[in-house]
Amino acid sequence: MSVQDEAAPGATAGTAPAELEVWIDQDLCTGDGICAQYAPEVFELDIDGLAYVKDTEDELLTAPGATTRVPLPLLREVADSARECPGECIHVRRVSDKVEIYGPDAE
């Protein structure tokens, strides 16, 4: 996969990259904090020791299934978080059709 493909999943020549969102399944989270190390702007461990996503205002979203948009400059870090997560609980999907791009359910 080229760096361009990595930076713009769902994009084709002459089109903008697809908007992506990320969410964490806390039932599978092991609390290792790898995601927060890769992308602290997007992920944070809460007092319960589990990882959650943060919105663009840096607010921790603790509701089950809460999603946040993936900032394009942080796509690589978010994708690496999903790949390296020992709990396989990070899901990155296209906003338009909810197809998972990175994570345990990616095609």
PDB file of N, CA and C in Angstrom:
ATOM      1  N   MET A   1       0.852  -1.173   0.000  1.00  0.00           N
ATOM      2  CA  MET A   1       0.000   0.000   0.000  1.00  0.00           C
ATOM      3  C   MET A   1       0.896   1.233   0.000  1.00  0.00           C
ATOM      4  N   SER A   2       0.611   2.171  -0.856  1.00  0.00           N
ATOM      5  CA  SER A   2       1.429   3.376  -0.934  1.00  0.00           C
ATOM      6  C   SER A   2       1.065   4.330   0.184  1.00  0.00           C
ATOM      7  N   VAL A   3       1.944   5.285   0.438  1.00  0.00           N
ATOM      8  CA  VAL A   3       1.674   6.284   1.463  1.00  0.00           C
ATOM      9  C   VAL A   3       0.413   7.061   1.099  1.00  0.00           C
ATOM     10  N   GLN A   4       0.208   7.345  -0.198  1.00  0.00           N
ATOM     11  CA  GLN A   4      -0.989   8.063  -0.608  1.00  0.00           C
ATOM     12  C   GLN A   4      -2.236   7.255  -0.283  1.00  0.00           C
ATOM     13  N   ASP A   5      -2.214   5.942  -0.547  1.00  0.00           N
ATOM     14  CA  ASP A   5      -3.348   5.099  -0.213  1.00  0.00           C
ATOM     15  C   ASP A   5      -3.590   5.096   1.292  1.00  0.00           C
ATOM     16  N   GLU A   6      -2.526   5.049   2.042  1.00  0.00           N
ATOM     17  CA  GLU A   6      -2.633   5.019   3.496  1.00  0.00           C
ATOM     18  C   GLU A   6      -3.260   6.307   4.021  1.00  0.00           C
ATOM     19  N   ALA A   7      -2.894   7.436   3.411  1.00  0.00           N
ATOM     20  CA  ALA A   7      -3.365   8.718   3.899  1.00  0.00           C
ATOM     21  C   ALA A   7      -4.781   9.035   3.449  1.00  0.00           C
ATOM     22  N   ALA A   8      -5.285   8.316   2.466  1.00  0.00           N
ATOM     23  CA  ALA A   8      -6.587   8.682   1.931  1.00  0.00           C
ATOM     24  C   ALA A   8      -7.415   7.455   1.551  1.00  0.00           C
ATOM     25  N   PRO A   9      -7.812   6.634   2.527  1.00  0.00           N
ATOM     26  CA  PRO A   9      -8.609   5.465   2.187  1.00  0.00           C
ATOM     27  C   PRO A   9      -9.939   5.897   1.596  1.00  0.00           C
ATOM     28  N   GLY A  10     -10.359   5.183   0.585  1.00  0.00           N
ATOM     29  CA  GLY A  10     -11.633   5.504  -0.034  1.00  0.00           C
ATOM     30  C   GLY A  10     -11.545   6.583  -1.076  1.00  0.00           C
ATOM     31  N   ALA A  11     -10.365   7.182  -1.245  1.00  0.00           N
ATOM     32  CA  ALA A  11     -10.210   8.227  -2.247  1.00  0.00           C
ATOM     33  C   ALA A  11      -9.754   7.603  -3.550  1.00  0.00           C
ATOM     34  N   THR A  12     -10.190   8.185  -4.633  1.00  0.00           N
ATOM     35  CA  THR A  12      -9.699   7.801  -5.950  1.00  0.00           C
ATOM     36  C   THR A  12      -9.106   9.039  -6.585  1.00  0.00           C
ATOM     37  N   ALA A  13      -8.451   8.863  -7.711  1.00  0.00           N
ATOM     38  CA  ALA A  13      -7.822  10.000  -8.374  1.00  0.00           C
ATOM     39  C   ALA A  13      -8.845  11.115  -8.571  1.00  0.00           C
ATOM     40  N   GLY A  14      -8.511  12.283  -8.090  1.00  0.00           N
ATOM     41  CA  GLY A  14      -9.375  13.437  -8.263  1.00  0.00           C
ATOM     42  C   GLY A  14     -10.508  13.563  -7.256  1.00  0.00           C
ATOM     43  N   THR A  15     -10.568  12.681  -6.264  1.00  0.00           N
ATOM     44  CA  THR A  15     -11.616  12.797  -5.243  1.00  0.00           C
ATOM     45  C   THR A  15     -10.991  13.022  -3.877  1.00  0.00           C
ATOM     46  N   ALA A  16     -11.782  13.570  -3.006  1.00  0.00           N
ATOM     47  CA  ALA A  16     -11.318  13.807  -1.643  1.00  0.00           C
ATOM     48  C   ALA A  16     -11.348  12.494  -0.864  1.00  0.00           C
ATOM     49  N   PRO A  17     -10.498  12.352   0.162  1.00  0.00           N
ATOM     50  CA  PRO A  17     -10.538  11.147   0.980  1.00  0.00           C
ATOM     51  C   PRO A  17     -11.876  11.047   1.707  1.00  0.00           C
ATOM     52  N   ALA A  18     -12.289   9.821   1.953  1.00  0.00           N
ATOM     53  CA  ALA A  18     -13.531   9.597   2.692  1.00  0.00           C
ATOM     54  C   ALA A  18     -13.372  10.089   4.120  1.00  0.00           C
ATOM     55  N   GLU A  19     -14.454  10.630   4.686  1.00  0.00           N
ATOM     56  CA  GLU A  19     -14.424  10.995   6.090  1.00  0.00           C
ATOM     57  C   GLU A  19     -14.486   9.714   6.903  1.00  0.00           C
ATOM     58  N   LEU A  20     -13.655   9.660   7.931  1.00  0.00           N
ATOM     59  CA  LEU A  20     -13.582   8.468   8.769  1.00  0.00           C
ATOM     60  C   LEU A  20     -13.930   8.827  10.200  1.00  0.00           C
ATOM     61  N   GLU A  21     -14.448   7.823  10.909  1.00  0.00           N
ATOM     62  CA  GLU A  21     -14.718   7.964  12.332  1.00  0.00           C
ATOM     63  C   GLU A  21     -14.112   6.764  13.048  1.00  0.00           C
ATOM     64  N   VAL A  22     -13.874   6.932  14.322  1.00  0.00           N
ATOM     65  CA  VAL A  22     -13.277   5.864  15.118  1.00  0.00           C
ATOM     66  C   VAL A  22     -14.090   5.687  16.394  1.00  0.00           C
ATOM     67  N   TRP A  23     -14.185   4.449  16.835  1.00  0.00           N
ATOM     68  CA  TRP A  23     -14.816   4.148  18.117  1.00  0.00           C
ATOM     69  C   TRP A  23     -14.088   2.985  18.761  1.00  0.00           C
ATOM     70  N   ILE A  24     -14.270   2.842  20.061  1.00  0.00           N
ATOM     71  CA  ILE A  24     -13.622   1.784  20.827  1.00  0.00           C
ATOM     72  C   ILE A  24     -14.688   0.949  21.519  1.00  0.00           C
ATOM     73  N   ASP A  25     -14.545  -0.361  21.412  1.00  0.00           N
ATOM     74  CA  ASP A  25     -15.411  -1.286  22.133  1.00  0.00           C
ATOM     75  C   ASP A  25     -14.777  -1.518  23.503  1.00  0.00           C
ATOM     76  N   GLN A  26     -15.259  -0.822  24.508  1.00  0.00           N
ATOM     77  CA  GLN A  26     -14.666  -0.919  25.849  1.00  0.00           C
ATOM     78  C   GLN A  26     -14.795  -2.313  26.443  1.00  0.00           C
ATOM     79  N   ASP A  27     -15.750  -3.120  25.966  1.00  0.00           N
ATOM     80  CA  ASP A  27     -15.870  -4.493  26.472  1.00  0.00           C
ATOM     81  C   ASP A  27     -14.642  -5.322  26.115  1.00  0.00           C
ATOM     82  N   LEU A  28     -13.922  -4.929  25.065  1.00  0.00           N
ATOM     83  CA  LEU A  28     -12.724  -5.653  24.636  1.00  0.00           C
ATOM     84  C   LEU A  28     -11.420  -4.948  25.010  1.00  0.00           C
ATOM     85  N   CYS A  29     -11.531  -3.714  25.472  1.00  0.00           N
ATOM     86  CA  CYS A  29     -10.333  -2.921  25.793  1.00  0.00           C
ATOM     87  C   CYS A  29      -9.561  -3.554  26.945  1.00  0.00           C
ATOM     88  N   THR A  30      -8.238  -3.686  26.742  1.00  0.00           N
ATOM     89  CA  THR A  30      -7.378  -4.259  27.773  1.00  0.00           C
ATOM     90  C   THR A  30      -6.677  -3.186  28.609  1.00  0.00           C
ATOM     91  N   GLY A  31      -6.863  -1.920  28.233  1.00  0.00           N
ATOM     92  CA  GLY A  31      -6.288  -0.824  29.002  1.00  0.00           C
ATOM     93  C   GLY A  31      -4.785  -0.670  28.854  1.00  0.00           C
ATOM     94  N   ASP A  32      -4.209  -1.227  27.791  1.00  0.00           N
ATOM     95  CA  ASP A  32      -2.762  -1.119  27.587  1.00  0.00           C
ATOM     96  C   ASP A  32      -2.311   0.303  27.269  1.00  0.00           C
ATOM     97  N   GLY A  33      -3.178   1.100  26.684  1.00  0.00           N
ATOM     98  CA  GLY A  33      -2.846   2.492  26.401  1.00  0.00           C
ATOM     99  C   GLY A  33      -2.026   2.717  25.154  1.00  0.00           C
ATOM    100  N   ILE A  34      -1.867   1.694  24.334  1.00  0.00           N
ATOM    101  CA  ILE A  34      -1.097   1.855  23.096  1.00  0.00           C
ATOM    102  C   ILE A  34      -1.726   2.928  22.218  1.00  0.00           C
ATOM    103  N   CYS A  35      -3.055   2.944  22.156  1.00  0.00           N
ATOM    104  CA  CYS A  35      -3.745   3.932  21.322  1.00  0.00           C
ATOM    105  C   CYS A  35      -3.428   5.351  21.783  1.00  0.00           C
ATOM    106  N   ALA A  36      -3.420   5.570  23.096  1.00  0.00           N
ATOM    107  CA  ALA A  36      -3.131   6.902  23.629  1.00  0.00           C
ATOM    108  C   ALA A  36      -1.674   7.294  23.387  1.00  0.00           C
ATOM    109  N   GLN A  37      -0.797   6.309  23.281  1.00  0.00           N
ATOM    110  CA  GLN A  37       0.599   6.606  22.949  1.00  0.00           C
ATOM    111  C   GLN A  37       0.733   7.004  21.488  1.00  0.00           C
ATOM    112  N   TYR A  38       0.032   6.305  20.599  1.00  0.00           N
ATOM    113  CA  TYR A  38       0.095   6.607  19.169  1.00  0.00           C
ATOM    114  C   TYR A  38      -0.612   7.918  18.834  1.00  0.00           C
ATOM    115  N   ALA A  39      -1.803   8.137  19.387  1.00  0.00           N
ATOM    116  CA  ALA A  39      -2.615   9.299  19.005  1.00  0.00           C
ATOM    117  C   ALA A  39      -3.300   9.902  20.236  1.00  0.00           C
ATOM    118  N   PRO A  40      -2.538  10.589  21.087  1.00  0.00           N
ATOM    119  CA  PRO A  40      -3.137  11.165  22.295  1.00  0.00           C
ATOM    120  C   PRO A  40      -4.184  12.239  22.012  1.00  0.00           C
ATOM    121  N   GLU A  41      -4.188  12.768  20.793  1.00  0.00           N
ATOM    122  CA  GLU A  41      -5.197  13.761  20.424  1.00  0.00           C
ATOM    123  C   GLU A  41      -6.565  13.112  20.204  1.00  0.00           C
ATOM    124  N   VAL A  42      -6.575  11.791  19.991  1.00  0.00           N
ATOM    125  CA  VAL A  42      -7.803  11.066  19.665  1.00  0.00           C
ATOM    126  C   VAL A  42      -8.220  10.109  20.780  1.00  0.00           C
ATOM    127  N   PHE A  43      -7.257   9.520  21.487  1.00  0.00           N
ATOM    128  CA  PHE A  43      -7.542   8.494  22.492  1.00  0.00           C
ATOM    129  C   PHE A  43      -7.027   8.917  23.861  1.00  0.00           C
ATOM    130  N   GLU A  44      -7.716   8.453  24.896  1.00  0.00           N
ATOM    131  CA  GLU A  44      -7.277   8.713  26.264  1.00  0.00           C
ATOM    132  C   GLU A  44      -7.801   7.614  27.180  1.00  0.00           C
ATOM    133  N   LEU A  45      -7.004   7.248  28.176  1.00  0.00           N
ATOM    134  CA  LEU A  45      -7.466   6.304  29.196  1.00  0.00           C
ATOM    135  C   LEU A  45      -8.216   7.080  30.263  1.00  0.00           C
ATOM    136  N   ASP A  46      -9.355   6.545  30.685  1.00  0.00           N
ATOM    137  CA  ASP A  46     -10.151   7.189  31.723  1.00  0.00           C
ATOM    138  C   ASP A  46      -9.785   6.590  33.075  1.00  0.00           C
ATOM    139  N   ILE A  47     -10.394   7.082  34.102  1.00  0.00           N
ATOM    140  CA  ILE A  47     -10.120   6.629  35.460  1.00  0.00           C
ATOM    141  C   ILE A  47     -10.408   5.131  35.639  1.00  0.00           C
ATOM    142  N   ASP A  48     -11.298   4.578  34.802  1.00  0.00           N
ATOM    143  CA  ASP A  48     -11.602   3.145  34.883  1.00  0.00           C
ATOM    144  C   ASP A  48     -10.529   2.279  34.222  1.00  0.00           C
ATOM    145  N   GLY A  49      -9.493   2.912  33.644  1.00  0.00           N
ATOM    146  CA  GLY A  49      -8.395   2.180  33.027  1.00  0.00           C
ATOM    147  C   GLY A  49      -8.654   1.769  31.591  1.00  0.00           C
ATOM    148  N   LEU A  50      -9.794   2.163  31.028  1.00  0.00           N
ATOM    149  CA  LEU A  50     -10.135   1.812  29.650  1.00  0.00           C
ATOM    150  C   LEU A  50      -9.937   3.010  28.727  1.00  0.00           C
ATOM    151  N   ALA A  51      -9.731   2.720  27.455  1.00  0.00           N
ATOM    152  CA  ALA A  51      -9.519   3.773  26.463  1.00  0.00           C
ATOM    153  C   ALA A  51     -10.851   4.253  25.896  1.00  0.00           C
ATOM    154  N   TYR A  52     -10.882   5.536  25.587  1.00  0.00           N
ATOM    155  CA  TYR A  52     -12.052   6.181  24.983  1.00  0.00           C
ATOM    156  C   TYR A  52     -11.554   7.148  23.916  1.00  0.00           C
ATOM    157  N   VAL A  53     -12.457   7.522  23.018  1.00  0.00           N
ATOM    158  CA  VAL A  53     -12.118   8.530  22.018  1.00  0.00           C
ATOM    159  C   VAL A  53     -12.441   9.912  22.570  1.00  0.00           C
ATOM    160  N   LYS A  54     -11.796  10.916  21.967  1.00  0.00           N
ATOM    161  CA  LYS A  54     -12.038  12.308  22.338  1.00  0.00           C
ATOM    162  C   LYS A  54     -12.583  13.047  21.123  1.00  0.00           C
ATOM    163  N   ASP A  55     -13.429  14.026  21.371  1.00  0.00           N
ATOM    164  CA  ASP A  55     -13.949  14.814  20.262  1.00  0.00           C
ATOM    165  C   ASP A  55     -12.969  15.931  19.904  1.00  0.00           C
ATOM    166  N   THR A  56     -13.344  16.755  18.944  1.00  0.00           N
ATOM    167  CA  THR A  56     -12.449  17.816  18.481  1.00  0.00           C
ATOM    168  C   THR A  56     -12.224  18.892  19.536  1.00  0.00           C
ATOM    169  N   GLU A  57     -13.062  18.914  20.560  1.00  0.00           N
ATOM    170  CA  GLU A  57     -12.910  19.867  21.668  1.00  0.00           C
ATOM    171  C   GLU A  57     -12.075  19.268  22.803  1.00  0.00           C
ATOM    172  N   ASP A  58     -11.490  18.076  22.570  1.00  0.00           N
ATOM    173  CA  ASP A  58     -10.666  17.362  23.541  1.00  0.00           C
ATOM    174  C   ASP A  58     -11.481  16.792  24.706  1.00  0.00           C
ATOM    175  N   GLU A  59     -12.802  16.645  24.505  1.00  0.00           N
ATOM    176  CA  GLU A  59     -13.664  16.079  25.533  1.00  0.00           C
ATOM    177  C   GLU A  59     -13.721  14.563  25.383  1.00  0.00           C
ATOM    178  N   LEU A  60     -13.545  13.858  26.486  1.00  0.00           N
ATOM    179  CA  LEU A  60     -13.595  12.403  26.503  1.00  0.00           C
ATOM    180  C   LEU A  60     -15.036  11.940  26.307  1.00  0.00           C
ATOM    181  N   LEU A  61     -15.249  11.050  25.341  1.00  0.00           N
ATOM    182  CA  LEU A  61     -16.585  10.541  25.037  1.00  0.00           C
ATOM    183  C   LEU A  61     -16.737   9.159  25.652  1.00  0.00           C
ATOM    184  N   THR A  62     -17.437   9.077  26.766  1.00  0.00           N
ATOM    185  CA  THR A  62     -17.509   7.824  27.519  1.00  0.00           C
ATOM    186  C   THR A  62     -18.780   7.015  27.278  1.00  0.00           C
ATOM    187  N   ALA A  63     -19.688   7.516  26.448  1.00  0.00           N
ATOM    188  CA  ALA A  63     -20.895   6.750  26.144  1.00  0.00           C
ATOM    189  C   ALA A  63     -20.515   5.523  25.315  1.00  0.00           C
ATOM    190  N   PRO A  64     -21.133   4.374  25.559  1.00  0.00           N
ATOM    191  CA  PRO A  64     -20.826   3.174  24.763  1.00  0.00           C
ATOM    192  C   PRO A  64     -21.039   3.431  23.266  1.00  0.00           C
ATOM    193  N   GLY A  65     -20.051   3.066  22.466  1.00  0.00           N
ATOM    194  CA  GLY A  65     -20.144   3.230  21.019  1.00  0.00           C
ATOM    195  C   GLY A  65     -19.925   4.642  20.512  1.00  0.00           C
ATOM    196  N   ALA A  66     -19.511   5.548  21.383  1.00  0.00           N
ATOM    197  CA  ALA A  66     -19.286   6.940  20.960  1.00  0.00           C
ATOM    198  C   ALA A  66     -18.209   6.988  19.882  1.00  0.00           C
ATOM    199  N   THR A  67     -18.461   7.790  18.859  1.00  0.00           N
ATOM    200  CA  THR A  67     -17.514   7.928  17.765  1.00  0.00           C
ATOM    201  C   THR A  67     -17.005   9.355  17.689  1.00  0.00           C
ATOM    202  N   THR A  68     -15.853   9.505  17.050  1.00  0.00           N
ATOM    203  CA  THR A  68     -15.313  10.821  16.749  1.00  0.00           C
ATOM    204  C   THR A  68     -14.692  10.762  15.367  1.00  0.00           C
ATOM    205  N   ARG A  69     -14.634  11.894  14.705  1.00  0.00           N
ATOM    206  CA  ARG A  69     -14.022  11.957  13.383  1.00  0.00           C
ATOM    207  C   ARG A  69     -12.518  11.772  13.516  1.00  0.00           C
ATOM    208  N   VAL A  70     -11.927  11.143  12.510  1.00  0.00           N
ATOM    209  CA  VAL A  70     -10.478  10.964  12.474  1.00  0.00           C
ATOM    210  C   VAL A  70      -9.894  12.150  11.711  1.00  0.00           C
ATOM    211  N   PRO A  71      -9.100  12.986  12.386  1.00  0.00           N
ATOM    212  CA  PRO A  71      -8.455  14.085  11.670  1.00  0.00           C
ATOM    213  C   PRO A  71      -7.475  13.513  10.643  1.00  0.00           C
ATOM    214  N   LEU A  72      -7.564  13.955   9.403  1.00  0.00           N
ATOM    215  CA  LEU A  72      -6.726  13.408   8.338  1.00  0.00           C
ATOM    216  C   LEU A  72      -5.238  13.414   8.689  1.00  0.00           C
ATOM    217  N   PRO A  73      -4.705  14.469   9.332  1.00  0.00           N
ATOM    218  CA  PRO A  73      -3.277  14.438   9.680  1.00  0.00           C
ATOM    219  C   PRO A  73      -2.912  13.329  10.681  1.00  0.00           C
ATOM    220  N   LEU A  74      -3.900  12.790  11.376  1.00  0.00           N
ATOM    221  CA  LEU A  74      -3.641  11.749  12.376  1.00  0.00           C
ATOM    222  C   LEU A  74      -4.076  10.365  11.913  1.00  0.00           C
ATOM    223  N   LEU A  75      -4.425  10.223  10.639  1.00  0.00           N
ATOM    224  CA  LEU A  75      -4.923   8.945  10.152  1.00  0.00           C
ATOM    225  C   LEU A  75      -3.926   7.818  10.362  1.00  0.00           C
ATOM    226  N   ARG A  76      -2.674   8.038  10.046  1.00  0.00           N
ATOM    227  CA  ARG A  76      -1.669   6.987  10.212  1.00  0.00           C
ATOM    228  C   ARG A  76      -1.580   6.533  11.663  1.00  0.00           C
ATOM    229  N   GLU A  77      -1.585   7.484  12.600  1.00  0.00           N
ATOM    230  CA  GLU A  77      -1.483   7.141  14.018  1.00  0.00           C
ATOM    231  C   GLU A  77      -2.716   6.366  14.489  1.00  0.00           C
ATOM    232  N   VAL A  78      -3.894   6.778  14.032  1.00  0.00           N
ATOM    233  CA  VAL A  78      -5.126   6.088  14.412  1.00  0.00           C
ATOM    234  C   VAL A  78      -5.150   4.682  13.805  1.00  0.00           C
ATOM    235  N   ALA A  79      -4.748   4.553  12.540  1.00  0.00           N
ATOM    236  CA  ALA A  79      -4.699   3.239  11.888  1.00  0.00           C
ATOM    237  C   ALA A  79      -3.701   2.328  12.595  1.00  0.00           C
ATOM    238  N   ASP A  80      -2.533   2.862  12.952  1.00  0.00           N
ATOM    239  CA  ASP A  80      -1.543   2.064  13.684  1.00  0.00           C
ATOM    240  C   ASP A  80      -2.087   1.629  15.042  1.00  0.00           C
ATOM    241  N   SER A  81      -2.841   2.495  15.691  1.00  0.00           N
ATOM    242  CA  SER A  81      -3.454   2.138  16.971  1.00  0.00           C
ATOM    243  C   SER A  81      -4.386   0.946  16.801  1.00  0.00           C
ATOM    244  N   ALA A  82      -5.203   0.976  15.750  1.00  0.00           N
ATOM    245  CA  ALA A  82      -6.134  -0.131  15.500  1.00  0.00           C
ATOM    246  C   ALA A  82      -5.382  -1.421  15.207  1.00  0.00           C
ATOM    247  N   ARG A  83      -4.291  -1.321  14.445  1.00  0.00           N
ATOM    248  CA  ARG A  83      -3.514  -2.519  14.098  1.00  0.00           C
ATOM    249  C   ARG A  83      -2.796  -3.112  15.300  1.00  0.00           C
ATOM    250  N   GLU A  84      -2.280  -2.267  16.167  1.00  0.00           N
ATOM    251  CA  GLU A  84      -1.441  -2.716  17.283  1.00  0.00           C
ATOM    252  C   GLU A  84      -2.213  -3.010  18.563  1.00  0.00           C
ATOM    253  N   CYS A  85      -3.472  -2.671  18.616  1.00  0.00           N
ATOM    254  CA  CYS A  85      -4.262  -2.839  19.840  1.00  0.00           C
ATOM    255  C   CYS A  85      -4.355  -4.318  20.229  1.00  0.00           C
ATOM    256  N   PRO A  86      -3.872  -4.683  21.420  1.00  0.00           N
ATOM    257  CA  PRO A  86      -3.943  -6.088  21.832  1.00  0.00           C
ATOM    258  C   PRO A  86      -5.373  -6.571  22.086  1.00  0.00           C
ATOM    259  N   GLY A  87      -6.276  -5.662  22.386  1.00  0.00           N
ATOM    260  CA  GLY A  87      -7.665  -6.044  22.616  1.00  0.00           C
ATOM    261  C   GLY A  87      -8.496  -6.080  21.340  1.00  0.00           C
ATOM    262  N   GLU A  88      -7.889  -5.654  20.232  1.00  0.00           N
ATOM    263  CA  GLU A  88      -8.583  -5.582  18.944  1.00  0.00           C
ATOM    264  C   GLU A  88      -9.944  -4.910  19.111  1.00  0.00           C
ATOM    265  N   CYS A  89      -9.938  -3.740  19.753  1.00  0.00           N
ATOM    266  CA  CYS A  89     -11.193  -3.068  20.076  1.00  0.00           C
ATOM    267  C   CYS A  89     -11.370  -1.727  19.380  1.00  0.00           C
ATOM    268  N   ILE A  90     -10.413  -1.308  18.555  1.00  0.00           N
ATOM    269  CA  ILE A  90     -10.489  -0.013  17.880  1.00  0.00           C
ATOM    270  C   ILE A  90     -11.021  -0.220  16.473  1.00  0.00           C
ATOM    271  N   HIS A  91     -12.064   0.510  16.137  1.00  0.00           N
ATOM    272  CA  HIS A  91     -12.744   0.384  14.848  1.00  0.00           C
ATOM    273  C   HIS A  91     -12.694   1.730  14.120  1.00  0.00           C
ATOM    274  N   VAL A  92     -12.148   1.732  12.916  1.00  0.00           N
ATOM    275  CA  VAL A  92     -12.106   2.928  12.079  1.00  0.00           C
ATOM    276  C   VAL A  92     -12.949   2.627  10.845  1.00  0.00           C
ATOM    277  N   ARG A  93     -13.948   3.453  10.602  1.00  0.00           N
ATOM    278  CA  ARG A  93     -14.859   3.192   9.489  1.00  0.00           C
ATOM    279  C   ARG A  93     -15.197   4.479   8.751  1.00  0.00           C
ATOM    280  N   ARG A  94     -15.647   4.284   7.492  1.00  0.00           N
ATOM    281  CA  ARG A  94     -16.108   5.421   6.707  1.00  0.00           C
ATOM    282  C   ARG A  94     -17.414   5.923   7.291  1.00  0.00           C
ATOM    283  N   VAL A  95     -17.564   7.230   7.340  1.00  0.00           N
ATOM    284  CA  VAL A  95     -18.787   7.835   7.850  1.00  0.00           C
ATOM    285  C   VAL A  95     -19.949   7.544   6.906  1.00  0.00           C
ATOM    286  N   SER A  96     -19.702   7.586   5.610  1.00  0.00           N
ATOM    287  CA  SER A  96     -20.771   7.487   4.614  1.00  0.00           C
ATOM    288  C   SER A  96     -21.519   6.165   4.637  1.00  0.00           C
ATOM    289  N   ASP A  97     -20.810   5.054   4.786  1.00  0.00           N
ATOM    290  CA  ASP A  97     -21.473   3.746   4.702  1.00  0.00           C
ATOM    291  C   ASP A  97     -21.140   2.807   5.861  1.00  0.00           C
ATOM    292  N   LYS A  98     -20.395   3.302   6.836  1.00  0.00           N
ATOM    293  CA  LYS A  98     -20.043   2.542   8.046  1.00  0.00           C
ATOM    294  C   LYS A  98     -19.196   1.302   7.761  1.00  0.00           C
ATOM    295  N   VAL A  99     -18.524   1.262   6.618  1.00  0.00           N
ATOM    296  CA  VAL A  99     -17.632   0.144   6.302  1.00  0.00           C
ATOM    297  C   VAL A  99     -16.326   0.343   7.062  1.00  0.00           C
ATOM    298  N   GLU A 100     -15.903  -0.702   7.779  1.00  0.00           N
ATOM    299  CA  GLU A 100     -14.678  -0.626   8.571  1.00  0.00           C
ATOM    300  C   GLU A 100     -13.463  -0.702   7.664  1.00  0.00           C
ATOM    301  N   ILE A 101     -12.563   0.263   7.847  1.00  0.00           N
ATOM    302  CA  ILE A 101     -11.330   0.366   7.053  1.00  0.00           C
ATOM    303  C   ILE A 101     -10.151  -0.234   7.815  1.00  0.00           C
ATOM    304  N   TYR A 102     -10.079   0.045   9.118  1.00  0.00           N
ATOM    305  CA  TYR A 102      -9.041  -0.501   9.992  1.00  0.00           C
ATOM    306  C   TYR A 102      -9.725  -1.053  11.220  1.00  0.00           C
ATOM    307  N   GLY A 103      -9.170  -2.131  11.761  1.00  0.00           N
ATOM    308  CA  GLY A 103      -9.724  -2.727  12.970  1.00  0.00           C
ATOM    309  C   GLY A 103     -10.076  -4.184  12.756  1.00  0.00           C
ATOM    310  N   PRO A 104     -10.627  -4.814  13.771  1.00  0.00           N
ATOM    311  CA  PRO A 104     -10.881  -6.261  13.709  1.00  0.00           C
ATOM    312  C   PRO A 104     -11.911  -6.684  12.666  1.00  0.00           C
ATOM    313  N   ASP A 105     -12.792  -5.780  12.246  1.00  0.00           N
ATOM    314  CA  ASP A 105     -13.820  -6.128  11.279  1.00  0.00           C
ATOM    315  C   ASP A 105     -13.506  -5.603   9.876  1.00  0.00           C
ATOM    316  N   ALA A 106     -12.271  -5.118   9.658  1.00  0.00           N
ATOM    317  CA  ALA A 106     -11.906  -4.577   8.341  1.00  0.00           C
ATOM    318  C   ALA A 106     -11.870  -5.703   7.316  1.00  0.00           C
ATOM    319  N   GLU A 107     -12.282  -5.361   6.114  1.00  0.00           N
ATOM    320  CA  GLU A 107     -12.320  -6.366   5.037  1.00  0.00           C
ATOM    321  C   GLU A 107     -10.959  -6.575   4.445  1.00  0.00           C
TER     322      GLU A 107
END
